[in-house]
Amino acid sequence: MNIRLKRKYLYYLNFKIKCAIGKKGLTKNKQEGDLKTPKGIFKLKKVFYRRDRIKFFKSRIKKYYIKKNIGWCDDPNSEHYNREIKFPFKGSAERFWRKDNIYDLIIVINYNFNPIIKNRGSAIFLHVCKKNYTPTKGCVAIKKKDMMNLLVNIKKNTKLII
């Protein structure tokens, strides 16, 4: 069973989950920094979580805990573009260890991998939304409790259809 995104809601099994998407909507032609969420069918690669904020949860997708030096490169000029990195880092990158909670739980969406194409967009995640479902920079965001419910139910072969 796949997860489908339609009009700012995710649908999975009997769940209808409100979500935030990119500030400028959806696109089939994602570009770095365009504030759009890419359309397509994507596998869910892996889960990162803050174990100081989330104690235990079940997941059929491989889990990694977030350390203070972990991030994701969003610099198209870097050889590490659209990959996990460690700080200190000479280039632009998203820090996973944040004061707010939006990266307490992150599912990496298999967007712009195999091969990675420069400037086609990076750091596309399913992550925790802000309180008022503020639009994202290109990710999909839902409430933490909804993310926990999804993780219990989704499987390795579940795909996100945007």
Protein backbone atom coordinates (compact mmCIF):
# COMPACT_ATOMS: atom_id res chain seq x y z
CA MET A 1 0.00 0.00 0.00
CA ASN A 2 1.40 3.38 -0.99
CA ILE A 3 1.05 6.85 0.51
CA ARG A 4 -0.68 9.35 -1.79
CA LEU A 5 -0.49 13.11 -1.56
CA LYS A 6 -3.56 14.99 -2.76
CA ARG A 7 -4.41 18.62 -2.01
CA LYS A 8 -2.34 18.98 1.15
CA TYR A 9 -3.36 15.60 2.60
CA LEU A 10 -1.57 12.27 2.71
CA TYR A 11 -3.71 9.18 2.30
CA TYR A 12 -2.56 5.81 3.59
CA LEU A 13 -4.78 2.85 4.48
CA ASN A 14 -7.61 4.45 6.50
CA PHE A 15 -5.54 7.51 7.41
CA LYS A 16 -6.13 11.01 6.05
CA ILE A 17 -3.24 13.16 7.27
CA LYS A 18 -3.03 16.91 6.85
CA CYS A 19 0.36 18.00 5.51
CA ALA A 20 2.44 20.97 4.45
CA ILE A 21 4.19 21.09 1.09
CA GLY A 22 6.57 23.48 -0.64
CA LYS A 23 5.68 27.17 -0.41
CA LYS A 24 5.31 27.39 -4.22
CA GLY A 25 3.40 24.12 -4.65
CA LEU A 26 4.26 21.00 -6.65
CA THR A 27 6.43 20.58 -9.74
CA LYS A 28 7.68 17.97 -12.19
CA ASN A 29 10.75 20.14 -12.83
CA LYS A 30 12.27 20.65 -9.37
CA GLN A 31 15.24 23.03 -9.14
CA GLU A 32 17.42 23.72 -6.10
CA GLY A 33 15.93 26.49 -3.98
CA ASP A 34 12.65 26.85 -5.92
CA LEU A 35 10.50 26.18 -2.80
CA LYS A 36 8.54 23.49 -4.68
CA THR A 37 7.84 19.87 -3.77
CA PRO A 38 8.76 17.41 -6.53
CA LYS A 39 6.04 15.29 -8.14
CA GLY A 40 6.69 11.61 -8.72
CA ILE A 41 6.70 8.19 -7.13
CA PHE A 42 9.38 7.81 -4.47
CA LYS A 43 10.68 5.07 -2.19
CA LEU A 44 11.30 5.94 1.44
CA LYS A 45 15.03 5.42 2.05
CA LYS A 46 15.72 5.71 5.77
CA VAL A 47 14.60 7.32 9.01
CA PHE A 48 16.56 9.74 11.16
CA TYR A 49 15.38 10.65 14.66
CA ARG A 50 16.41 12.60 17.77
CA ARG A 51 16.65 9.96 20.45
CA ASP A 52 16.79 12.64 23.15
CA ARG A 53 13.26 13.68 22.07
CA ILE A 54 11.82 10.39 20.78
CA LYS A 55 12.50 7.38 22.96
CA PHE A 56 11.27 4.33 21.09
CA PHE A 57 9.21 3.66 18.01
CA LYS A 58 8.68 0.80 15.65
CA SER A 59 9.72 1.12 12.05
CA ARG A 60 10.22 -1.32 9.20
CA ILE A 61 12.49 1.24 7.57
CA LYS A 62 16.06 1.35 8.87
CA LYS A 63 16.50 3.93 11.68
CA TYR A 64 19.48 6.15 12.47
CA TYR A 65 19.72 8.52 15.37
CA ILE A 66 20.69 12.11 14.78
CA LYS A 67 23.96 13.31 16.24
CA LYS A 68 24.82 16.99 16.65
CA ASN A 69 27.20 16.89 13.67
CA ILE A 70 24.83 15.28 11.12
CA GLY A 71 23.31 17.15 8.19
CA TRP A 72 22.45 16.99 4.50
CA CYS A 73 24.31 18.80 1.72
CA ASP A 74 22.20 21.15 -0.39
CA ASP A 75 25.12 22.80 -2.16
CA PRO A 76 25.04 22.02 -5.92
CA ASN A 77 28.75 22.90 -6.17
CA SER A 78 29.73 20.22 -3.66
CA GLU A 79 30.74 16.66 -4.49
CA HIS A 80 28.49 15.71 -1.53
CA TYR A 81 25.35 17.26 -3.05
CA ASN A 82 22.13 15.60 -1.86
CA ARG A 83 23.93 13.33 0.58
CA GLU A 84 24.30 13.01 4.32
CA ILE A 85 27.29 14.98 5.66
CA LYS A 86 29.04 15.66 8.94
CA PHE A 87 29.84 19.09 10.33
CA PRO A 88 32.12 20.95 10.17
CA PHE A 89 31.38 21.15 6.45
CA LYS A 90 32.60 23.60 3.79
CA GLY A 91 29.41 24.26 1.89
CA SER A 92 25.72 24.74 2.32
CA ALA A 93 23.96 22.02 4.29
CA GLU A 94 20.85 21.44 6.41
CA ARG A 95 21.57 20.72 10.06
CA PHE A 96 19.52 17.89 11.49
CA TRP A 97 20.14 18.90 15.13
CA ARG A 98 17.84 21.90 15.56
CA LYS A 99 16.24 23.84 18.40
CA ASP A 100 12.77 23.50 16.84
CA ASN A 101 11.27 20.05 16.37
CA ILE A 102 10.84 19.80 12.58
CA TYR A 103 13.78 17.42 12.23
CA ASP A 104 13.06 15.32 15.33
CA LEU A 105 11.88 12.66 12.88
CA ILE A 106 12.88 12.59 9.21
CA ILE A 107 12.14 10.11 6.45
CA VAL A 108 14.49 10.56 3.49
CA ILE A 109 12.51 10.54 0.25
CA ASN A 110 14.33 8.86 -2.63
CA TYR A 111 14.37 12.00 -4.77
CA ASN A 112 17.32 12.91 -7.04
CA PHE A 113 19.39 9.81 -6.36
CA ASN A 114 20.78 7.31 -8.87
CA PRO A 115 22.14 9.47 -10.38
CA ILE A 116 22.28 12.67 -8.36
CA ILE A 117 21.84 15.60 -10.77
CA LYS A 118 23.23 18.97 -9.69
CA ASN A 119 20.61 21.71 -9.12
CA ARG A 120 17.67 19.25 -9.42
CA GLY A 121 16.86 19.60 -5.71
CA SER A 122 18.19 18.11 -2.53
CA ALA A 123 17.22 17.34 1.06
CA ILE A 124 13.68 16.30 0.17
CA PHE A 125 12.22 14.73 3.30
CA LEU A 126 9.01 13.77 5.01
CA HIS A 127 9.46 15.55 8.35
CA VAL A 128 7.58 17.10 11.27
CA CYS A 129 5.50 20.15 10.41
CA LYS A 130 5.43 23.50 12.17
CA LYS A 131 2.36 24.20 14.33
CA ASN A 132 0.29 25.93 11.64
CA TYR A 133 1.43 23.71 8.75
CA THR A 134 3.68 26.48 7.49
CA PRO A 135 4.80 25.68 3.92
CA THR A 136 8.16 23.98 3.53
CA LYS A 137 11.15 24.65 1.26
CA GLY A 138 10.18 21.58 -0.81
CA CYS A 139 9.60 18.79 1.68
CA VAL A 140 6.36 17.22 2.89
CA ALA A 141 5.64 17.80 6.60
CA ILE A 142 3.11 16.25 8.99
CA LYS A 143 2.48 16.21 12.75
CA LYS A 144 4.89 14.11 14.81
CA LYS A 145 2.09 11.81 16.06
CA ASP A 146 0.99 11.20 12.46
CA MET A 147 4.58 10.40 11.48
CA MET A 148 4.81 7.87 14.33
CA ASN A 149 1.55 6.21 13.15
CA LEU A 150 2.84 6.05 9.58
CA LEU A 151 6.15 4.51 10.62
CA VAL A 152 4.40 1.67 12.45
CA ASN A 153 2.43 0.82 9.32
CA ILE A 154 4.62 1.51 6.28
CA LYS A 155 6.90 -1.12 4.83
CA LYS A 156 10.21 -1.05 2.96
CA ASN A 157 8.39 -1.22 -0.37
CA THR A 158 5.86 1.54 0.47
CA LYS A 159 6.11 4.45 -1.95
CA LEU A 160 5.16 8.10 -1.60
CA ILE A 161 3.15 9.28 -4.61
CA ILE A 162 3.15 13.05 -5.02
